[in-house]
Amino acid sequence: MARRTAPKVTTSTPLGRTVDLSQEDVRDKSGRPIDAAYVEELVEAARKSPGRPSLAKGTSPSVAFRLPPELRARAAEIAASEGKTVSQLAREALEARLDRSA
């Protein structure tokens, strides 16, 4: 399975048309009006929660390791068939192995 790379985003990347919130009625998917206060709430929320959520209370350390391409491809296939990420599959496999050693 080919690994996707994120598109390069720069300050000149077009994001879509500019909307004048004082002139247009723009709403989110739940119907709430998007205005300056709404945008400020989103910005504050983004500043308060950088990065991915922790898997446990506090921080969750990461573990990185290398795999042969064939093993990575098999893991990606199994994860996709189970609706999981490769990381979730790897966590489950490591947890199962550690449980057997206990």
N, C-alpha and C. Protein backbone atom coordinates (compact mmCIF):
# COMPACT_ATOMS: atom_id res chain seq x y z
N MET A 1 0.84 -1.17 0.00
CA MET A 1 0.00 0.00 0.00
C MET A 1 0.89 1.24 0.00
N ALA A 2 0.68 2.12 -0.94
CA ALA A 2 1.50 3.32 -1.04
C ALA A 2 1.16 4.29 0.09
N ARG A 3 2.18 4.90 0.61
CA ARG A 3 1.99 5.86 1.69
C ARG A 3 1.61 7.20 1.08
N ARG A 4 0.55 7.80 1.62
CA ARG A 4 0.13 9.10 1.11
C ARG A 4 0.98 10.19 1.76
N THR A 5 1.32 11.20 0.98
CA THR A 5 2.03 12.33 1.54
C THR A 5 1.07 13.52 1.56
N ALA A 6 1.17 14.30 2.61
CA ALA A 6 0.30 15.45 2.75
C ALA A 6 0.67 16.50 1.70
N PRO A 7 -0.33 17.21 1.19
CA PRO A 7 -0.01 18.26 0.21
C PRO A 7 0.75 19.38 0.89
N LYS A 8 1.63 20.02 0.14
CA LYS A 8 2.38 21.13 0.69
C LYS A 8 1.47 22.35 0.77
N VAL A 9 1.35 22.90 1.95
CA VAL A 9 0.51 24.07 2.16
C VAL A 9 1.41 25.23 2.54
N THR A 10 1.27 26.33 1.83
CA THR A 10 2.06 27.52 2.10
C THR A 10 1.11 28.70 2.31
N THR A 11 1.68 29.85 2.61
CA THR A 11 0.85 31.04 2.78
C THR A 11 0.18 31.47 1.49
N SER A 12 0.66 30.97 0.36
CA SER A 12 0.04 31.33 -0.92
C SER A 12 -0.92 30.26 -1.44
N THR A 13 -1.12 29.20 -0.68
CA THR A 13 -2.06 28.14 -1.08
C THR A 13 -3.48 28.69 -1.06
N PRO A 14 -4.21 28.58 -2.18
CA PRO A 14 -5.59 29.08 -2.17
C PRO A 14 -6.47 28.20 -1.29
N LEU A 15 -7.28 28.83 -0.46
CA LEU A 15 -8.14 28.10 0.46
C LEU A 15 -9.60 28.13 0.06
N GLY A 16 -9.94 28.89 -0.92
CA GLY A 16 -11.34 29.05 -1.31
C GLY A 16 -11.69 30.52 -1.31
N ARG A 17 -12.93 30.81 -1.61
CA ARG A 17 -13.31 32.22 -1.71
C ARG A 17 -13.36 32.87 -0.33
N THR A 18 -13.10 34.14 -0.29
CA THR A 18 -13.17 34.91 0.95
C THR A 18 -14.64 35.21 1.24
N VAL A 19 -15.02 35.05 2.49
CA VAL A 19 -16.40 35.28 2.90
C VAL A 19 -16.43 36.46 3.85
N ASP A 20 -17.30 37.42 3.59
CA ASP A 20 -17.51 38.55 4.49
C ASP A 20 -18.62 38.15 5.46
N LEU A 21 -18.23 37.78 6.69
CA LEU A 21 -19.20 37.28 7.66
C LEU A 21 -20.22 38.33 8.08
N SER A 22 -19.91 39.60 7.87
CA SER A 22 -20.88 40.65 8.21
C SER A 22 -21.92 40.83 7.11
N GLN A 23 -21.66 40.27 5.92
CA GLN A 23 -22.57 40.43 4.80
C GLN A 23 -23.31 39.14 4.43
N GLU A 24 -22.72 37.99 4.78
CA GLU A 24 -23.31 36.71 4.37
C GLU A 24 -23.73 35.90 5.59
N ASP A 25 -24.80 35.14 5.41
CA ASP A 25 -25.27 34.24 6.46
C ASP A 25 -24.63 32.88 6.21
N VAL A 26 -23.59 32.58 6.99
CA VAL A 26 -22.85 31.32 6.84
C VAL A 26 -23.06 30.52 8.12
N ARG A 27 -23.36 29.24 7.99
CA ARG A 27 -23.63 28.39 9.16
C ARG A 27 -22.81 27.11 9.10
N ASP A 28 -22.55 26.55 10.28
CA ASP A 28 -21.86 25.27 10.33
C ASP A 28 -22.86 24.15 10.08
N LYS A 29 -22.39 22.91 10.09
CA LYS A 29 -23.28 21.80 9.73
C LYS A 29 -24.42 21.58 10.72
N SER A 30 -24.28 22.13 11.94
CA SER A 30 -25.38 22.00 12.90
C SER A 30 -26.34 23.20 12.83
N GLY A 31 -26.05 24.16 11.96
CA GLY A 31 -26.94 25.30 11.77
C GLY A 31 -26.55 26.53 12.57
N ARG A 32 -25.48 26.44 13.35
CA ARG A 32 -25.04 27.59 14.14
C ARG A 32 -24.42 28.65 13.23
N PRO A 33 -24.80 29.91 13.39
CA PRO A 33 -24.21 30.97 12.56
C PRO A 33 -22.71 31.11 12.80
N ILE A 34 -21.96 31.23 11.73
CA ILE A 34 -20.52 31.44 11.85
C ILE A 34 -20.30 32.96 11.79
N ASP A 35 -19.81 33.49 12.92
CA ASP A 35 -19.52 34.90 13.00
C ASP A 35 -18.13 35.06 13.62
N ALA A 36 -17.73 36.29 13.90
CA ALA A 36 -16.40 36.54 14.44
C ALA A 36 -16.20 35.82 15.78
N ALA A 37 -17.22 35.81 16.63
CA ALA A 37 -17.10 35.13 17.92
C ALA A 37 -16.91 33.62 17.75
N TYR A 38 -17.63 33.05 16.80
CA TYR A 38 -17.52 31.61 16.50
C TYR A 38 -16.09 31.29 16.05
N VAL A 39 -15.57 32.11 15.16
CA VAL A 39 -14.21 31.89 14.65
C VAL A 39 -13.21 32.01 15.78
N GLU A 40 -13.38 32.99 16.66
CA GLU A 40 -12.47 33.17 17.79
C GLU A 40 -12.51 31.95 18.71
N GLU A 41 -13.68 31.38 18.93
CA GLU A 41 -13.79 30.16 19.75
C GLU A 41 -13.00 29.01 19.13
N LEU A 42 -13.09 28.87 17.82
CA LEU A 42 -12.35 27.81 17.13
C LEU A 42 -10.84 28.02 17.27
N VAL A 43 -10.40 29.27 17.11
CA VAL A 43 -8.97 29.57 17.22
C VAL A 43 -8.48 29.26 18.63
N GLU A 44 -9.22 29.67 19.64
CA GLU A 44 -8.83 29.41 21.03
C GLU A 44 -8.79 27.91 21.32
N ALA A 45 -9.77 27.18 20.83
CA ALA A 45 -9.80 25.73 21.05
C ALA A 45 -8.59 25.06 20.40
N ALA A 46 -8.23 25.53 19.20
CA ALA A 46 -7.07 24.96 18.51
C ALA A 46 -5.78 25.27 19.26
N ARG A 47 -5.68 26.43 19.84
CA ARG A 47 -4.48 26.80 20.60
C ARG A 47 -4.36 25.98 21.89
N LYS A 48 -5.47 25.62 22.48
CA LYS A 48 -5.45 24.89 23.75
C LYS A 48 -5.19 23.40 23.59
N SER A 49 -5.43 22.86 22.43
CA SER A 49 -5.29 21.40 22.27
C SER A 49 -4.42 21.05 21.07
N PRO A 50 -3.12 21.38 21.14
CA PRO A 50 -2.25 21.02 20.03
C PRO A 50 -1.95 19.53 20.00
N GLY A 51 -1.75 19.00 18.83
CA GLY A 51 -1.35 17.60 18.69
C GLY A 51 -2.49 16.62 18.85
N ARG A 52 -2.14 15.38 18.86
CA ARG A 52 -3.12 14.31 18.99
C ARG A 52 -3.53 14.13 20.44
N PRO A 53 -4.73 13.64 20.68
CA PRO A 53 -5.13 13.40 22.06
C PRO A 53 -4.32 12.26 22.67
N SER A 54 -4.10 12.35 23.98
CA SER A 54 -3.36 11.32 24.69
C SER A 54 -4.18 10.04 24.76
N LEU A 55 -3.51 8.91 24.78
CA LEU A 55 -4.18 7.62 24.91
C LEU A 55 -4.43 7.29 26.38
N ALA A 56 -3.80 8.02 27.26
CA ALA A 56 -3.95 7.79 28.70
C ALA A 56 -4.01 9.14 29.39
N LYS A 57 -4.19 9.13 30.70
CA LYS A 57 -4.16 10.39 31.42
C LYS A 57 -2.75 10.95 31.34
N GLY A 58 -2.63 12.24 31.12
CA GLY A 58 -1.31 12.86 30.98
C GLY A 58 -0.81 12.68 29.56
N THR A 59 0.42 12.28 29.45
CA THR A 59 1.01 12.10 28.12
C THR A 59 1.09 10.62 27.77
N SER A 60 1.12 10.34 26.49
CA SER A 60 1.31 8.96 26.06
C SER A 60 2.56 8.95 25.17
N PRO A 61 3.64 8.33 25.67
CA PRO A 61 4.88 8.31 24.90
C PRO A 61 4.70 7.53 23.60
N SER A 62 5.46 7.92 22.60
CA SER A 62 5.38 7.20 21.32
C SER A 62 6.57 6.26 21.18
N VAL A 63 6.37 5.22 20.40
CA VAL A 63 7.41 4.24 20.10
C VAL A 63 7.48 4.13 18.59
N ALA A 64 8.65 4.27 18.03
CA ALA A 64 8.82 4.17 16.58
C ALA A 64 9.77 3.01 16.28
N PHE A 65 9.44 2.27 15.23
CA PHE A 65 10.34 1.19 14.81
C PHE A 65 10.17 0.97 13.32
N ARG A 66 11.17 0.34 12.73
CA ARG A 66 11.16 0.11 11.29
C ARG A 66 10.66 -1.30 10.98
N LEU A 67 10.00 -1.42 9.83
CA LEU A 67 9.47 -2.71 9.37
C LEU A 67 9.90 -2.96 7.94
N PRO A 68 10.04 -4.23 7.55
CA PRO A 68 10.24 -4.52 6.15
C PRO A 68 8.97 -4.10 5.38
N PRO A 69 9.10 -3.66 4.13
CA PRO A 69 7.95 -3.20 3.37
C PRO A 69 6.81 -4.22 3.30
N GLU A 70 7.15 -5.50 3.20
CA GLU A 70 6.11 -6.53 3.10
C GLU A 70 5.28 -6.62 4.38
N LEU A 71 5.95 -6.52 5.53
CA LEU A 71 5.25 -6.58 6.81
C LEU A 71 4.37 -5.35 7.00
N ARG A 72 4.87 -4.19 6.60
CA ARG A 72 4.09 -2.95 6.70
C ARG A 72 2.86 -3.04 5.80
N ALA A 73 3.02 -3.59 4.61
CA ALA A 73 1.89 -3.73 3.68
C ALA A 73 0.84 -4.69 4.25
N ARG A 74 1.28 -5.81 4.82
CA ARG A 74 0.34 -6.77 5.43
C ARG A 74 -0.40 -6.12 6.59
N ALA A 75 0.34 -5.38 7.41
CA ALA A 75 -0.29 -4.70 8.56
C ALA A 75 -1.32 -3.68 8.06
N ALA A 76 -1.01 -2.95 7.01
CA ALA A 76 -1.94 -1.96 6.47
C ALA A 76 -3.20 -2.63 5.93
N GLU A 77 -3.04 -3.78 5.27
CA GLU A 77 -4.20 -4.51 4.75
C GLU A 77 -5.12 -4.98 5.88
N ILE A 78 -4.51 -5.58 6.90
CA ILE A 78 -5.31 -6.09 8.02
C ILE A 78 -5.98 -4.94 8.76
N ALA A 79 -5.23 -3.88 9.00
CA ALA A 79 -5.81 -2.72 9.70
C ALA A 79 -6.99 -2.15 8.91
N ALA A 80 -6.82 -2.00 7.61
CA ALA A 80 -7.89 -1.45 6.78
C ALA A 80 -9.12 -2.36 6.80
N SER A 81 -8.88 -3.67 6.75
CA SER A 81 -10.02 -4.60 6.74
C SER A 81 -10.78 -4.58 8.06
N GLU A 82 -10.10 -4.18 9.15
CA GLU A 82 -10.72 -4.12 10.46
C GLU A 82 -11.16 -2.70 10.83
N GLY A 83 -10.96 -1.76 9.89
CA GLY A 83 -11.34 -0.38 10.17
C GLY A 83 -10.46 0.29 11.21
N LYS A 84 -9.19 -0.08 11.23
CA LYS A 84 -8.24 0.46 12.21
C LYS A 84 -7.07 1.10 11.49
N THR A 85 -6.27 1.82 12.26
CA THR A 85 -5.01 2.32 11.73
C THR A 85 -3.93 1.29 12.00
N VAL A 86 -2.81 1.42 11.33
CA VAL A 86 -1.68 0.53 11.59
C VAL A 86 -1.20 0.72 13.03
N SER A 87 -1.26 1.95 13.53
CA SER A 87 -0.86 2.20 14.91
C SER A 87 -1.75 1.44 15.89
N GLN A 88 -3.06 1.45 15.65
CA GLN A 88 -3.97 0.71 16.53
C GLN A 88 -3.65 -0.78 16.49
N LEU A 89 -3.42 -1.31 15.29
CA LEU A 89 -3.09 -2.72 15.14
C LEU A 89 -1.79 -3.04 15.89
N ALA A 90 -0.79 -2.19 15.76
CA ALA A 90 0.50 -2.42 16.43
C ALA A 90 0.34 -2.36 17.95
N ARG A 91 -0.46 -1.41 18.46
CA ARG A 91 -0.70 -1.34 19.91
C ARG A 91 -1.35 -2.62 20.41
N GLU A 92 -2.36 -3.10 19.66
CA GLU A 92 -3.05 -4.33 20.06
C GLU A 92 -2.09 -5.52 20.06
N ALA A 93 -1.25 -5.61 19.04
CA ALA A 93 -0.31 -6.73 18.95
C ALA A 93 0.70 -6.69 20.08
N LEU A 94 1.21 -5.51 20.39
CA LEU A 94 2.18 -5.38 21.48
C LEU A 94 1.52 -5.69 22.82
N GLU A 95 0.31 -5.20 23.00
CA GLU A 95 -0.42 -5.47 24.25
C GLU A 95 -0.66 -6.97 24.42
N ALA A 96 -1.07 -7.67 23.35
CA ALA A 96 -1.31 -9.11 23.41
C ALA A 96 -0.03 -9.86 23.74
N ARG A 97 1.08 -9.44 23.15
CA ARG A 97 2.37 -10.09 23.41
C ARG A 97 2.79 -9.88 24.85
N LEU A 98 2.61 -8.68 25.36
CA LEU A 98 2.98 -8.39 26.74
C LEU A 98 2.08 -9.14 27.73
N ASP A 99 0.81 -9.29 27.37
CA ASP A 99 -0.12 -10.05 28.22
C ASP A 99 0.32 -11.52 28.33
N ARG A 100 0.84 -12.10 27.24
CA ARG A 100 1.30 -13.48 27.26
C ARG A 100 2.53 -13.65 28.14
N SER A 101 3.31 -12.58 28.29
CA SER A 101 4.53 -12.65 29.11
C SER A 101 4.28 -12.41 30.57
N ALA A 102 3.09 -11.96 30.91
CA ALA A 102 2.80 -11.62 32.32
C ALA A 102 2.61 -12.84 33.18
